[in-house]
Amino acid sequence: MSNVDNLDDVSRVEAGDGATVEIGLIDRPEMGQLFSVFADIVARGEGFPQQPPLTRSVFEDVWVRPVSLVAGAMRQGTLLGAYYLKPNLPGLGSHIANAGYVVDRRYRGLGLGRLLVKDSIARAPLAGFDAIQFNFVFADNPARALYEDLGWQVVGKVPDGIAAGRDAIIYWRAVP
């Protein structure tokens, strides 16, 4: 698991290429890099339902408001990947987080997705969440194996939940 005891902690972990990656909360300076990574993922139709081309307003609806935290994996000032945690629902449903993860395609295959997901599991309770739910994971998303390996359970399926006949899977997991 991640070595964070405080929401603001920076976790130093080794990526698959042996280099150290720092995972911690990110702020405005890194948001420009995150916009570029997310825009590329949206343009490729990889795991997020937003329509390309991505606008700054749509990006901020996903990654800025209302978001409890955004954490990123950084190496020498470069954002390699990131995740957000935000209330899945308002009010009585706000104890369950919704999360989204991205890894820059230039840095895939280094285990960064696993590092980011583990970090989100560690930070979620520090942000007041007791579970994480994914509402619409594309059924053909290769990250599904990672989620299931790290304890997520399939709690539903939405046939044709994504345009073009792609099913969506709903996942849930308690956090420590």
Protein backbone atom coordinates (compact mmCIF):
# COMPACT_ATOMS: atom_id res chain seq x y z
CA MET A 1 0.00 0.00 0.00
CA SER A 2 1.01 3.63 -0.19
CA ASN A 3 3.01 5.15 2.64
CA VAL A 4 0.75 8.12 3.47
CA ASP A 5 -0.50 8.94 6.95
CA ASN A 6 -1.58 12.47 6.12
CA LEU A 7 -3.55 13.67 3.09
CA ASP A 8 -0.72 16.03 2.12
CA ASP A 9 2.06 13.42 2.34
CA VAL A 10 4.22 12.70 -0.71
CA SER A 11 4.80 9.02 -1.32
CA ARG A 12 8.08 8.02 -2.98
CA VAL A 13 7.76 4.73 -4.82
CA GLU A 14 9.68 2.84 -7.45
CA ALA A 15 8.14 2.49 -10.91
CA GLY A 16 8.63 -0.54 -13.14
CA ASP A 17 11.70 1.02 -14.76
CA GLY A 18 13.43 1.32 -11.37
CA ALA A 19 13.19 5.12 -11.19
CA THR A 20 11.59 6.87 -8.23
CA VAL A 21 8.20 8.47 -8.67
CA GLU A 22 6.67 10.92 -6.23
CA ILE A 23 2.91 10.68 -5.70
CA GLY A 24 1.20 13.55 -3.96
CA LEU A 25 -1.49 16.17 -4.28
CA ILE A 26 -1.16 18.39 -7.31
CA ASP A 27 -2.32 21.94 -7.82
CA ARG A 28 -2.67 24.51 -10.58
CA PRO A 29 0.90 24.34 -11.96
CA GLU A 30 0.46 20.64 -12.87
CA MET A 31 -3.11 21.06 -14.17
CA GLY A 32 -1.84 22.16 -17.60
CA GLN A 33 0.06 18.90 -17.95
CA LEU A 34 -2.97 16.96 -16.69
CA PHE A 35 -5.22 18.67 -19.24
CA SER A 36 -2.89 17.50 -22.04
CA VAL A 37 -2.81 13.90 -20.77
CA PHE A 38 -6.59 13.81 -20.30
CA ALA A 39 -7.25 15.42 -23.71
CA ASP A 40 -5.15 12.72 -25.37
CA ILE A 41 -7.07 9.95 -23.56
CA VAL A 42 -10.44 11.49 -24.46
CA ALA A 43 -9.37 11.90 -28.10
CA ARG A 44 -8.46 8.19 -28.23
CA GLY A 45 -11.68 7.06 -26.52
CA GLU A 46 -9.69 5.34 -23.77
CA GLY A 47 -11.78 4.92 -20.65
CA PHE A 48 -13.61 8.24 -20.27
CA PRO A 49 -16.95 9.07 -21.91
CA GLN A 50 -16.28 12.74 -22.71
CA GLN A 51 -16.62 13.72 -26.37
CA PRO A 52 -13.52 14.98 -28.16
CA PRO A 53 -12.20 17.54 -28.58
CA LEU A 54 -11.85 18.15 -24.85
CA THR A 55 -12.58 21.70 -23.72
CA ARG A 56 -11.10 23.33 -20.65
CA SER A 57 -14.59 23.63 -19.14
CA VAL A 58 -15.30 19.89 -19.52
CA PHE A 59 -11.85 19.10 -18.10
CA GLU A 60 -12.58 21.25 -15.05
CA ASP A 61 -15.99 19.58 -14.57
CA VAL A 62 -14.16 16.25 -14.27
CA TRP A 63 -10.88 17.17 -12.55
CA VAL A 64 -11.50 20.43 -10.66
CA ARG A 65 -15.11 20.87 -9.49
CA PRO A 66 -16.38 19.28 -7.30
CA VAL A 67 -13.25 17.29 -6.53
CA SER A 68 -11.96 16.44 -3.07
CA LEU A 69 -8.40 15.82 -4.22
CA VAL A 70 -6.24 15.32 -7.27
CA ALA A 71 -2.99 13.41 -6.84
CA GLY A 72 -0.32 12.86 -9.44
CA ALA A 73 2.73 10.75 -10.10
CA MET A 74 5.62 13.09 -10.84
CA ARG A 75 9.18 12.52 -12.00
CA GLN A 76 11.54 15.47 -12.37
CA GLY A 77 8.68 17.94 -12.85
CA THR A 78 6.82 15.79 -15.39
CA LEU A 79 3.33 14.51 -14.64
CA LEU A 80 3.21 10.80 -15.54
CA GLY A 81 -0.31 10.07 -14.35
CA ALA A 82 -2.98 11.22 -11.93
CA TYR A 83 -6.22 10.39 -10.19
CA TYR A 84 -9.08 12.24 -8.58
CA LEU A 85 -11.33 11.39 -5.66
CA LYS A 86 -14.68 13.12 -5.27
CA PRO A 87 -18.03 12.28 -3.67
CA ASN A 88 -19.85 9.74 -5.81
CA LEU A 89 -23.17 11.33 -4.82
CA PRO A 90 -24.10 14.40 -2.75
CA GLY A 91 -25.42 14.31 0.79
CA LEU A 92 -26.06 10.83 2.14
CA GLY A 93 -23.95 9.24 -0.62
CA SER A 94 -20.92 11.46 -0.13
CA HIS A 95 -19.06 8.93 2.05
CA ILE A 96 -18.37 6.89 -1.10
CA ALA A 97 -15.76 8.30 -3.44
CA ASN A 98 -15.78 8.23 -7.19
CA ALA A 99 -12.32 7.96 -8.71
CA GLY A 100 -10.78 8.41 -12.13
CA TYR A 101 -7.25 7.51 -13.19
CA VAL A 102 -5.06 8.50 -16.13
CA VAL A 103 -1.54 7.52 -17.15
CA ASP A 104 0.21 9.38 -19.94
CA ARG A 105 0.53 6.87 -22.79
CA ARG A 106 4.27 7.57 -23.02
CA TYR A 107 4.69 6.12 -19.51
CA ARG A 108 2.36 3.13 -19.61
CA GLY A 109 3.70 -0.31 -18.78
CA LEU A 110 5.71 0.93 -15.77
CA GLY A 111 3.12 -0.03 -13.16
CA LEU A 112 2.05 3.58 -12.61
CA GLY A 113 -1.64 2.71 -12.75
CA ARG A 114 -1.20 0.24 -9.89
CA LEU A 115 0.81 2.79 -7.88
CA LEU A 116 -1.87 5.46 -8.39
CA VAL A 117 -4.73 3.11 -7.49
CA LYS A 118 -2.94 1.94 -4.33
CA ASP A 119 -2.27 5.55 -3.37
CA SER A 120 -5.95 6.42 -3.85
CA ILE A 121 -6.95 3.55 -1.55
CA ALA A 122 -4.62 4.95 1.14
CA ARG A 123 -5.74 8.59 0.73
CA ALA A 124 -9.49 7.95 0.44
CA PRO A 125 -10.12 7.49 4.18
CA LEU A 126 -7.95 10.53 4.93
CA ALA A 127 -10.34 12.53 2.73
CA GLY A 128 -13.38 11.14 4.59
CA PHE A 129 -14.37 8.28 2.29
CA ASP A 130 -15.05 4.69 3.35
CA ALA A 131 -15.38 3.18 -0.13
CA ILE A 132 -14.56 3.90 -3.78
CA GLN A 133 -16.99 3.27 -6.61
CA PHE A 134 -16.38 3.37 -10.35
CA ASN A 135 -19.64 4.14 -12.16
CA PHE A 136 -18.83 3.45 -15.79
CA VAL A 137 -15.73 1.38 -16.47
CA PHE A 138 -15.72 0.42 -20.14
CA ALA A 139 -16.19 -3.35 -20.33
CA ASP A 140 -13.17 -3.55 -22.66
CA ASN A 141 -10.92 -1.45 -20.39
CA PRO A 142 -7.69 -3.39 -19.68
CA ALA A 143 -7.51 -1.78 -16.19
CA ARG A 144 -10.40 -4.00 -15.05
CA ALA A 145 -7.95 -6.78 -14.15
CA LEU A 146 -6.00 -4.33 -11.98
CA TYR A 147 -9.16 -3.14 -10.17
CA GLU A 148 -10.27 -6.70 -9.48
CA ASP A 149 -6.78 -7.69 -8.32
CA LEU A 150 -6.85 -4.78 -5.84
CA GLY A 151 -10.22 -5.74 -4.35
CA TRP A 152 -12.93 -4.07 -6.39
CA GLN A 153 -16.12 -6.05 -6.88
CA VAL A 154 -18.44 -5.83 -9.86
CA VAL A 155 -21.76 -4.57 -8.49
CA GLY A 156 -23.51 -3.92 -11.77
CA LYS A 157 -23.44 -3.81 -15.53
CA VAL A 158 -25.07 -1.23 -17.79
CA PRO A 159 -25.70 -2.72 -21.26
CA ASP A 160 -24.81 -0.19 -23.96
CA GLY A 161 -23.81 2.24 -21.20
CA ILE A 162 -21.22 3.77 -23.47
CA ALA A 163 -22.10 4.83 -27.01
CA ALA A 164 -21.33 2.46 -29.85
CA GLY A 165 -22.69 -0.57 -28.00
CA ARG A 166 -20.03 -0.71 -25.29
CA ASP A 167 -21.15 -2.03 -21.93
CA ALA A 168 -20.20 -0.27 -18.71
CA ILE A 169 -19.24 -2.02 -15.49
CA ILE A 170 -19.86 -0.59 -12.01
CA TYR A 171 -17.24 -1.43 -9.37
CA TRP A 172 -17.20 -0.91 -5.58
CA ARG A 173 -14.54 -1.41 -2.90
CA ALA A 174 -14.32 -0.56 0.80
CA VAL A 175 -11.19 1.31 1.88
CA PRO A 176 -9.37 0.86 5.21
